[in-house]
Amino acid sequence: MLDFHITHHAETRKQQRGFRNADIDLLLTLGEPYGCDGYRVSHRTARNEIGRLKAQIQQIERLAGSIAVVCEGSVVTVHHGENNKSNSRRRRGESRNGK
């Protein structure tokens, strides 16, 4: 949780209203100032964040199995992983002919 102390009152209300600590973290992270001392996640902010996360999910799905080879702090090459069988052979140091 962020650097906020939850008062006894807030803890009680949180439980009564079905909020989790992670919900409060997100409210405080994404929220815009509301009133003199509150934070509110607007519907626009929620839509924008959901869109950003959906795009990130698509990127993760696209990259599943991909490999970036790094040597001495430099990316040497990147490639789409092959099938799981050839990837497991590569991790064990075997070639296609089993050696």
N, C-alpha and C. Protein backbone atom coordinates (compact mmCIF):
# COMPACT_ATOMS: atom_id res chain seq x y z
N MET A 1 0.84 -1.18 0.00
CA MET A 1 0.00 0.00 0.00
C MET A 1 0.89 1.24 0.00
N LEU A 2 0.38 2.29 -0.55
CA LEU A 2 1.14 3.54 -0.61
C LEU A 2 1.40 4.06 0.80
N ASP A 3 2.05 5.19 0.90
CA ASP A 3 2.44 5.74 2.19
C ASP A 3 1.31 6.46 2.91
N PHE A 4 0.19 5.79 3.08
CA PHE A 4 -0.93 6.35 3.81
C PHE A 4 -1.28 5.41 4.95
N HIS A 5 -1.60 6.00 6.08
CA HIS A 5 -2.07 5.22 7.23
C HIS A 5 -3.59 5.11 7.11
N ILE A 6 -4.11 3.92 7.31
CA ILE A 6 -5.57 3.71 7.29
C ILE A 6 -6.07 3.83 8.72
N THR A 7 -6.94 4.78 8.94
CA THR A 7 -7.49 4.96 10.29
C THR A 7 -8.46 3.83 10.61
N HIS A 8 -8.80 3.71 11.88
CA HIS A 8 -9.76 2.71 12.31
C HIS A 8 -11.10 2.94 11.60
N HIS A 9 -11.50 4.19 11.49
CA HIS A 9 -12.75 4.53 10.81
C HIS A 9 -12.70 4.07 9.35
N ALA A 10 -11.61 4.37 8.65
CA ALA A 10 -11.48 4.00 7.24
C ALA A 10 -11.46 2.47 7.09
N GLU A 11 -10.80 1.78 8.00
CA GLU A 11 -10.76 0.31 7.96
C GLU A 11 -12.17 -0.26 8.10
N THR A 12 -12.93 0.30 9.02
CA THR A 12 -14.31 -0.15 9.22
C THR A 12 -15.14 0.08 7.96
N ARG A 13 -15.07 1.29 7.40
CA ARG A 13 -15.82 1.61 6.19
C ARG A 13 -15.37 0.76 5.00
N LYS A 14 -14.07 0.54 4.92
CA LYS A 14 -13.52 -0.30 3.84
C LYS A 14 -14.17 -1.68 3.88
N GLN A 15 -14.23 -2.26 5.07
CA GLN A 15 -14.82 -3.59 5.22
C GLN A 15 -16.33 -3.57 4.95
N GLN A 16 -17.01 -2.58 5.45
CA GLN A 16 -18.46 -2.47 5.24
C GLN A 16 -18.81 -2.33 3.77
N ARG A 17 -17.97 -1.64 3.03
CA ARG A 17 -18.29 -1.30 1.64
C ARG A 17 -17.59 -2.20 0.63
N GLY A 18 -16.90 -3.21 1.11
CA GLY A 18 -16.30 -4.20 0.22
C GLY A 18 -15.06 -3.75 -0.53
N PHE A 19 -14.33 -2.77 0.01
CA PHE A 19 -13.08 -2.33 -0.60
C PHE A 19 -11.94 -3.19 -0.07
N ARG A 20 -10.94 -3.40 -0.92
CA ARG A 20 -9.72 -4.10 -0.53
C ARG A 20 -8.58 -3.09 -0.46
N ASN A 21 -7.49 -3.47 0.19
CA ASN A 21 -6.32 -2.57 0.24
C ASN A 21 -5.85 -2.24 -1.17
N ALA A 22 -5.87 -3.23 -2.07
CA ALA A 22 -5.44 -2.99 -3.45
C ALA A 22 -6.34 -1.97 -4.15
N ASP A 23 -7.64 -1.94 -3.78
CA ASP A 23 -8.55 -0.96 -4.36
C ASP A 23 -8.16 0.45 -3.93
N ILE A 24 -7.80 0.60 -2.68
CA ILE A 24 -7.39 1.92 -2.18
C ILE A 24 -6.09 2.34 -2.84
N ASP A 25 -5.15 1.41 -2.99
CA ASP A 25 -3.90 1.72 -3.71
C ASP A 25 -4.19 2.25 -5.10
N LEU A 26 -5.08 1.58 -5.81
CA LEU A 26 -5.40 2.00 -7.17
C LEU A 26 -6.11 3.35 -7.19
N LEU A 27 -7.02 3.56 -6.25
CA LEU A 27 -7.69 4.87 -6.15
C LEU A 27 -6.68 5.99 -5.95
N LEU A 28 -5.72 5.76 -5.08
CA LEU A 28 -4.72 6.79 -4.78
C LEU A 28 -3.71 6.95 -5.91
N THR A 29 -3.46 5.88 -6.66
CA THR A 29 -2.50 5.93 -7.77
C THR A 29 -3.11 6.57 -9.01
N LEU A 30 -4.30 6.12 -9.39
CA LEU A 30 -4.94 6.61 -10.61
C LEU A 30 -5.82 7.83 -10.38
N GLY A 31 -6.24 8.00 -9.14
CA GLY A 31 -7.22 9.04 -8.84
C GLY A 31 -6.71 10.45 -9.05
N GLU A 32 -7.66 11.30 -9.38
CA GLU A 32 -7.38 12.73 -9.52
C GLU A 32 -7.90 13.41 -8.26
N PRO A 33 -7.29 14.53 -7.89
CA PRO A 33 -7.79 15.23 -6.70
C PRO A 33 -9.29 15.49 -6.80
N TYR A 34 -9.95 15.27 -5.68
CA TYR A 34 -11.41 15.41 -5.62
C TYR A 34 -11.74 16.13 -4.32
N GLY A 35 -12.34 17.28 -4.46
CA GLY A 35 -12.59 18.09 -3.27
C GLY A 35 -11.28 18.59 -2.69
N CYS A 36 -11.30 18.86 -1.41
CA CYS A 36 -10.07 19.40 -0.80
C CYS A 36 -9.11 18.31 -0.34
N ASP A 37 -9.60 17.07 -0.19
CA ASP A 37 -8.70 16.04 0.36
C ASP A 37 -9.00 14.64 -0.14
N GLY A 38 -9.66 14.50 -1.27
CA GLY A 38 -10.01 13.18 -1.77
C GLY A 38 -9.37 12.88 -3.12
N TYR A 39 -9.50 11.65 -3.54
CA TYR A 39 -9.03 11.19 -4.85
C TYR A 39 -10.16 10.40 -5.48
N ARG A 40 -10.39 10.64 -6.77
CA ARG A 40 -11.49 9.99 -7.47
C ARG A 40 -10.99 9.48 -8.81
N VAL A 41 -11.38 8.25 -9.16
CA VAL A 41 -11.08 7.71 -10.48
C VAL A 41 -12.30 7.99 -11.35
N SER A 42 -12.12 8.88 -12.32
CA SER A 42 -13.22 9.24 -13.21
C SER A 42 -13.48 8.10 -14.19
N HIS A 43 -14.66 8.12 -14.80
CA HIS A 43 -14.97 7.11 -15.80
C HIS A 43 -14.02 7.21 -16.99
N ARG A 44 -13.61 8.42 -17.35
CA ARG A 44 -12.67 8.62 -18.44
C ARG A 44 -11.31 7.99 -18.09
N THR A 45 -10.84 8.25 -16.89
CA THR A 45 -9.57 7.66 -16.46
C THR A 45 -9.66 6.14 -16.46
N ALA A 46 -10.77 5.61 -15.97
CA ALA A 46 -10.96 4.16 -15.95
C ALA A 46 -10.92 3.59 -17.37
N ARG A 47 -11.64 4.21 -18.31
CA ARG A 47 -11.64 3.74 -19.70
C ARG A 47 -10.24 3.79 -20.30
N ASN A 48 -9.52 4.87 -20.05
CA ASN A 48 -8.16 5.01 -20.58
C ASN A 48 -7.23 3.94 -20.02
N GLU A 49 -7.32 3.71 -18.73
CA GLU A 49 -6.46 2.71 -18.09
C GLU A 49 -6.81 1.30 -18.57
N ILE A 50 -8.09 1.02 -18.71
CA ILE A 50 -8.52 -0.29 -19.22
C ILE A 50 -7.99 -0.48 -20.64
N GLY A 51 -8.07 0.54 -21.47
CA GLY A 51 -7.53 0.46 -22.84
C GLY A 51 -6.04 0.20 -22.85
N ARG A 52 -5.32 0.89 -21.97
CA ARG A 52 -3.87 0.70 -21.88
C ARG A 52 -3.53 -0.72 -21.46
N LEU A 53 -4.27 -1.24 -20.48
CA LEU A 53 -4.01 -2.60 -20.00
C LEU A 53 -4.38 -3.65 -21.04
N LYS A 54 -5.47 -3.42 -21.78
CA LYS A 54 -5.84 -4.35 -22.86
C LYS A 54 -4.75 -4.40 -23.92
N ALA A 55 -4.21 -3.24 -24.27
CA ALA A 55 -3.12 -3.19 -25.25
C ALA A 55 -1.90 -3.93 -24.73
N GLN A 56 -1.63 -3.79 -23.44
CA GLN A 56 -0.48 -4.49 -22.86
C GLN A 56 -0.71 -6.00 -22.85
N ILE A 57 -1.94 -6.43 -22.59
CA ILE A 57 -2.26 -7.85 -22.62
C ILE A 57 -2.05 -8.40 -24.03
N GLN A 58 -2.49 -7.66 -25.05
CA GLN A 58 -2.27 -8.10 -26.43
C GLN A 58 -0.79 -8.20 -26.76
N GLN A 59 -0.02 -7.26 -26.25
CA GLN A 59 1.43 -7.29 -26.48
C GLN A 59 2.05 -8.52 -25.81
N ILE A 60 1.63 -8.81 -24.60
CA ILE A 60 2.16 -9.98 -23.88
C ILE A 60 1.80 -11.26 -24.62
N GLU A 61 0.54 -11.34 -25.11
CA GLU A 61 0.13 -12.52 -25.87
C GLU A 61 0.97 -12.67 -27.13
N ARG A 62 1.25 -11.56 -27.80
CA ARG A 62 2.05 -11.58 -29.03
C ARG A 62 3.48 -12.01 -28.75
N LEU A 63 4.01 -11.65 -27.59
CA LEU A 63 5.40 -11.94 -27.25
C LEU A 63 5.61 -13.29 -26.58
N ALA A 64 4.53 -13.98 -26.25
CA ALA A 64 4.66 -15.27 -25.56
C ALA A 64 5.57 -16.20 -26.36
N GLY A 65 6.59 -16.72 -25.71
CA GLY A 65 7.54 -17.61 -26.35
C GLY A 65 8.71 -16.90 -27.02
N SER A 66 8.66 -15.59 -27.12
CA SER A 66 9.75 -14.85 -27.76
C SER A 66 10.97 -14.79 -26.85
N ILE A 67 12.10 -14.55 -27.47
CA ILE A 67 13.36 -14.57 -26.73
C ILE A 67 14.19 -13.34 -27.10
N ALA A 68 14.78 -12.71 -26.11
CA ALA A 68 15.77 -11.66 -26.32
C ALA A 68 17.09 -12.18 -25.75
N VAL A 69 18.10 -12.23 -26.58
CA VAL A 69 19.42 -12.72 -26.15
C VAL A 69 20.25 -11.51 -25.74
N VAL A 70 20.77 -11.56 -24.50
CA VAL A 70 21.53 -10.45 -23.94
C VAL A 70 22.93 -10.94 -23.60
N CYS A 71 23.91 -10.15 -23.98
CA CYS A 71 25.30 -10.47 -23.67
C CYS A 71 26.00 -9.20 -23.21
N GLU A 72 26.55 -9.24 -22.03
CA GLU A 72 27.30 -8.11 -21.47
C GLU A 72 26.51 -6.81 -21.53
N GLY A 73 25.23 -6.88 -21.18
CA GLY A 73 24.40 -5.69 -21.10
C GLY A 73 23.85 -5.16 -22.41
N SER A 74 24.08 -5.90 -23.50
CA SER A 74 23.57 -5.48 -24.81
C SER A 74 22.62 -6.54 -25.35
N VAL A 75 21.52 -6.10 -25.96
CA VAL A 75 20.63 -7.04 -26.63
C VAL A 75 21.30 -7.39 -27.95
N VAL A 76 21.61 -8.67 -28.11
CA VAL A 76 22.33 -9.16 -29.28
C VAL A 76 21.37 -9.51 -30.41
N THR A 77 20.25 -10.16 -30.05
CA THR A 77 19.26 -10.51 -31.05
C THR A 77 17.94 -10.79 -30.35
N VAL A 78 16.88 -10.79 -31.12
CA VAL A 78 15.56 -11.17 -30.64
C VAL A 78 14.93 -12.07 -31.68
N HIS A 79 14.10 -13.01 -31.21
CA HIS A 79 13.38 -13.85 -32.17
C HIS A 79 12.15 -14.45 -31.52
N HIS A 80 11.22 -14.82 -32.39
CA HIS A 80 10.04 -15.53 -31.92
C HIS A 80 10.49 -16.93 -31.58
N GLY A 81 10.09 -17.42 -30.42
CA GLY A 81 10.44 -18.77 -30.05
C GLY A 81 9.81 -19.76 -31.01
N GLU A 82 10.47 -20.89 -31.15
CA GLU A 82 9.92 -21.94 -32.00
C GLU A 82 8.96 -22.75 -31.15
N ASN A 83 8.70 -23.97 -31.51
CA ASN A 83 7.81 -24.78 -30.69
C ASN A 83 8.48 -25.15 -29.38
N ASN A 84 7.71 -25.59 -28.42
CA ASN A 84 8.24 -25.90 -27.09
C ASN A 84 9.33 -26.96 -27.12
N LYS A 85 9.22 -27.95 -28.03
CA LYS A 85 10.21 -29.01 -28.11
C LYS A 85 11.58 -28.45 -28.48
N SER A 86 11.64 -27.59 -29.50
CA SER A 86 12.94 -27.05 -29.91
C SER A 86 13.48 -26.09 -28.86
N ASN A 87 12.59 -25.35 -28.17
CA ASN A 87 13.05 -24.45 -27.11
C ASN A 87 13.66 -25.23 -25.96
N SER A 88 13.04 -26.36 -25.59
CA SER A 88 13.60 -27.14 -24.47
C SER A 88 14.92 -27.77 -24.88
N ARG A 89 15.06 -28.18 -26.16
CA ARG A 89 16.36 -28.70 -26.63
C ARG A 89 17.43 -27.62 -26.53
N ARG A 90 17.07 -26.40 -26.95
CA ARG A 90 18.03 -25.31 -26.93
C ARG A 90 18.50 -25.03 -25.51
N ARG A 91 17.55 -25.03 -24.54
CA ARG A 91 17.93 -24.77 -23.15
C ARG A 91 18.87 -25.84 -22.62
N ARG A 92 18.72 -27.07 -23.12
CA ARG A 92 19.61 -28.16 -22.69
C ARG A 92 20.90 -28.20 -23.49
N GLY A 93 21.02 -27.34 -24.51
CA GLY A 93 22.24 -27.28 -25.31
C GLY A 93 22.30 -28.34 -26.40
N GLU A 94 21.15 -28.94 -26.77
CA GLU A 94 21.13 -29.96 -27.81
C GLU A 94 20.82 -29.34 -29.16
N SER A 95 21.28 -29.98 -30.21
CA SER A 95 20.94 -29.54 -31.56
C SER A 95 19.71 -30.33 -32.03
N ARG A 96 19.26 -30.07 -33.25
CA ARG A 96 18.07 -30.74 -33.78
C ARG A 96 18.27 -32.24 -33.92
N ASN A 97 19.50 -32.68 -34.15
CA ASN A 97 19.73 -34.11 -34.34
C ASN A 97 19.95 -34.83 -33.01
N GLY A 98 19.71 -34.15 -31.89
CA GLY A 98 19.78 -34.78 -30.57
C GLY A 98 21.13 -34.75 -29.91
N LYS A 99 22.11 -34.10 -30.50
CA LYS A 99 23.46 -34.06 -29.91
C LYS A 99 23.67 -32.77 -29.16
